Amino acid sequence: MFGTVKRFVRDERAATSIEYALIAAGISITIIVAVNTVGTSMKGRFEDVSNKLATAGN
């Protein structure tokens, strides 16, 4: 029983997996925020171009 507990405490594979999962989550959150910010900026620019084209046609 104690041998199993000692092996469990010394096993670092789970810790490494958790670290990789946290890194992946951080990267994912960064990408989502960046895409959302760029999307909002581009939406404003496309609306501006659309309005200018509509005005130029009149």
N, C-alpha and C. Protein backbone atom coordinates (compact mmCIF):
# COMPACT_ATOMS: atom_id res chain seq x y z
N MET A 1 0.83 -1.19 0.00
CA MET A 1 0.00 0.00 0.00
C MET A 1 0.87 1.26 0.00
N PHE A 2 1.88 1.27 0.89
CA PHE A 2 2.74 2.45 0.96
C PHE A 2 3.58 2.61 -0.30
N GLY A 3 3.93 1.49 -0.92
CA GLY A 3 4.68 1.55 -2.18
C GLY A 3 3.87 2.23 -3.27
N THR A 4 2.58 1.94 -3.31
CA THR A 4 1.69 2.55 -4.30
C THR A 4 1.58 4.05 -4.06
N VAL A 5 1.45 4.44 -2.80
CA VAL A 5 1.35 5.87 -2.46
C VAL A 5 2.65 6.59 -2.82
N LYS A 6 3.79 5.98 -2.53
CA LYS A 6 5.08 6.60 -2.86
C LYS A 6 5.22 6.78 -4.37
N ARG A 7 4.83 5.77 -5.13
CA ARG A 7 4.91 5.88 -6.60
C ARG A 7 3.99 6.98 -7.11
N PHE A 8 2.80 7.08 -6.52
CA PHE A 8 1.84 8.11 -6.93
C PHE A 8 2.40 9.51 -6.66
N VAL A 9 3.01 9.69 -5.50
CA VAL A 9 3.55 11.00 -5.13
C VAL A 9 4.73 11.38 -6.02
N ARG A 10 5.56 10.41 -6.40
CA ARG A 10 6.74 10.67 -7.22
C ARG A 10 6.42 10.79 -8.71
N ASP A 11 5.29 10.31 -9.12
CA ASP A 11 4.94 10.31 -10.55
C ASP A 11 4.66 11.74 -10.99
N GLU A 12 5.42 12.21 -11.97
CA GLU A 12 5.27 13.59 -12.44
C GLU A 12 4.56 13.68 -13.79
N ARG A 13 4.12 12.58 -14.33
CA ARG A 13 3.45 12.62 -15.64
C ARG A 13 2.17 13.43 -15.58
N ALA A 14 1.41 13.30 -14.52
CA ALA A 14 0.15 14.05 -14.41
C ALA A 14 0.43 15.54 -14.30
N ALA A 15 1.46 15.90 -13.54
CA ALA A 15 1.80 17.32 -13.40
C ALA A 15 2.20 17.92 -14.74
N THR A 16 2.95 17.18 -15.53
CA THR A 16 3.34 17.66 -16.85
C THR A 16 2.13 17.83 -17.75
N SER A 17 1.22 16.89 -17.69
CA SER A 17 0.00 16.99 -18.51
C SER A 17 -0.81 18.21 -18.12
N ILE A 18 -0.92 18.46 -16.83
CA ILE A 18 -1.67 19.63 -16.36
C ILE A 18 -0.98 20.91 -16.82
N GLU A 19 0.34 20.95 -16.74
CA GLU A 19 1.07 22.13 -17.20
C GLU A 19 0.83 22.39 -18.68
N TYR A 20 0.89 21.35 -19.49
CA TYR A 20 0.62 21.51 -20.92
C TYR A 20 -0.81 21.96 -21.17
N ALA A 21 -1.75 21.45 -20.40
CA ALA A 21 -3.14 21.86 -20.55
C ALA A 21 -3.31 23.34 -20.20
N LEU A 22 -2.65 23.79 -19.15
CA LEU A 22 -2.73 25.21 -18.78
C LEU A 22 -2.09 26.10 -19.84
N ILE A 23 -0.98 25.67 -20.40
CA ILE A 23 -0.34 26.44 -21.47
C ILE A 23 -1.26 26.52 -22.68
N ALA A 24 -1.86 25.39 -23.06
CA ALA A 24 -2.78 25.37 -24.20
C ALA A 24 -3.99 26.26 -23.95
N ALA A 25 -4.51 26.25 -22.72
CA ALA A 25 -5.65 27.10 -22.39
C ALA A 25 -5.27 28.58 -22.49
N GLY A 26 -4.09 28.92 -22.00
CA GLY A 26 -3.63 30.31 -22.08
C GLY A 26 -3.47 30.78 -23.52
N ILE A 27 -2.89 29.93 -24.35
CA ILE A 27 -2.73 30.27 -25.76
C ILE A 27 -4.09 30.41 -26.43
N SER A 28 -5.02 29.52 -26.11
CA SER A 28 -6.36 29.59 -26.70
C SER A 28 -7.07 30.88 -26.32
N ILE A 29 -6.98 31.26 -25.06
CA ILE A 29 -7.63 32.49 -24.61
C ILE A 29 -7.01 33.70 -25.32
N THR A 30 -5.70 33.70 -25.47
CA THR A 30 -5.02 34.80 -26.17
C THR A 30 -5.49 34.90 -27.61
N ILE A 31 -5.60 33.77 -28.28
CA ILE A 31 -6.05 33.77 -29.68
C ILE A 31 -7.49 34.26 -29.78
N ILE A 32 -8.35 33.81 -28.89
CA ILE A 32 -9.76 34.23 -28.92
C ILE A 32 -9.87 35.74 -28.73
N VAL A 33 -9.14 36.28 -27.76
CA VAL A 33 -9.19 37.72 -27.51
C VAL A 33 -8.65 38.50 -28.71
N ALA A 34 -7.56 38.02 -29.30
CA ALA A 34 -6.97 38.71 -30.45
C ALA A 34 -7.92 38.70 -31.64
N VAL A 35 -8.52 37.56 -31.93
CA VAL A 35 -9.44 37.46 -33.06
C VAL A 35 -10.67 38.33 -32.83
N ASN A 36 -11.16 38.36 -31.61
CA ASN A 36 -12.32 39.20 -31.30
C ASN A 36 -11.99 40.67 -31.48
N THR A 37 -10.82 41.09 -31.02
CA THR A 37 -10.41 42.49 -31.15
C THR A 37 -10.22 42.88 -32.61
N VAL A 38 -9.54 42.05 -33.36
CA VAL A 38 -9.32 42.33 -34.78
C VAL A 38 -10.65 42.31 -35.53
N GLY A 39 -11.52 41.39 -35.19
CA GLY A 39 -12.83 41.31 -35.84
C GLY A 39 -13.65 42.57 -35.63
N THR A 40 -13.63 43.08 -34.41
CA THR A 40 -14.37 44.30 -34.10
C THR A 40 -13.80 45.48 -34.88
N SER A 41 -12.48 45.56 -34.94
CA SER A 41 -11.82 46.63 -35.68
C SER A 41 -12.15 46.55 -37.17
N MET A 42 -12.08 45.36 -37.72
CA MET A 42 -12.36 45.18 -39.15
C MET A 42 -13.82 45.46 -39.47
N LYS A 43 -14.72 45.12 -38.55
CA LYS A 43 -16.14 45.39 -38.78
C LYS A 43 -16.36 46.89 -38.95
N GLY A 44 -15.73 47.68 -38.09
CA GLY A 44 -15.86 49.13 -38.20
C GLY A 44 -15.32 49.65 -39.52
N ARG A 45 -14.20 49.12 -39.96
CA ARG A 45 -13.62 49.57 -41.22
C ARG A 45 -14.49 49.18 -42.41
N PHE A 46 -15.02 47.96 -42.40
CA PHE A 46 -15.89 47.53 -43.50
C PHE A 46 -17.17 48.36 -43.54
N GLU A 47 -17.72 48.70 -42.38
CA GLU A 47 -18.91 49.54 -42.35
C GLU A 47 -18.60 50.93 -42.90
N ASP A 48 -17.42 51.46 -42.57
CA ASP A 48 -17.01 52.77 -43.09
C ASP A 48 -16.88 52.74 -44.61
N VAL A 49 -16.24 51.71 -45.13
CA VAL A 49 -16.09 51.58 -46.58
C VAL A 49 -17.45 51.42 -47.24
N SER A 50 -18.32 50.63 -46.64
CA SER A 50 -19.66 50.42 -47.19
C SER A 50 -20.44 51.73 -47.25
N ASN A 51 -20.35 52.51 -46.18
CA ASN A 51 -21.06 53.80 -46.16
C ASN A 51 -20.49 54.76 -47.21
N LYS A 52 -19.18 54.77 -47.37
CA LYS A 52 -18.57 55.65 -48.37
C LYS A 52 -18.96 55.23 -49.78
N LEU A 53 -19.01 53.93 -50.03
CA LEU A 53 -19.43 53.46 -51.35
C LEU A 53 -20.89 53.79 -51.62
N ALA A 54 -21.73 53.66 -50.61
CA ALA A 54 -23.14 53.99 -50.78
C ALA A 54 -23.32 55.48 -51.05
N THR A 55 -22.54 56.30 -50.36
CA THR A 55 -22.62 57.75 -50.56
C THR A 55 -22.06 58.14 -51.93
N ALA A 56 -21.00 57.49 -52.36
CA ALA A 56 -20.39 57.81 -53.65
C ALA A 56 -21.31 57.44 -54.81
N GLY A 57 -22.16 56.48 -54.61
CA GLY A 57 -23.07 56.05 -55.68
C GLY A 57 -24.22 57.01 -55.89
N ASN A 58 -24.44 57.90 -54.95
CA ASN A 58 -25.58 58.83 -55.08
C ASN A 58 -25.19 60.11 -55.72
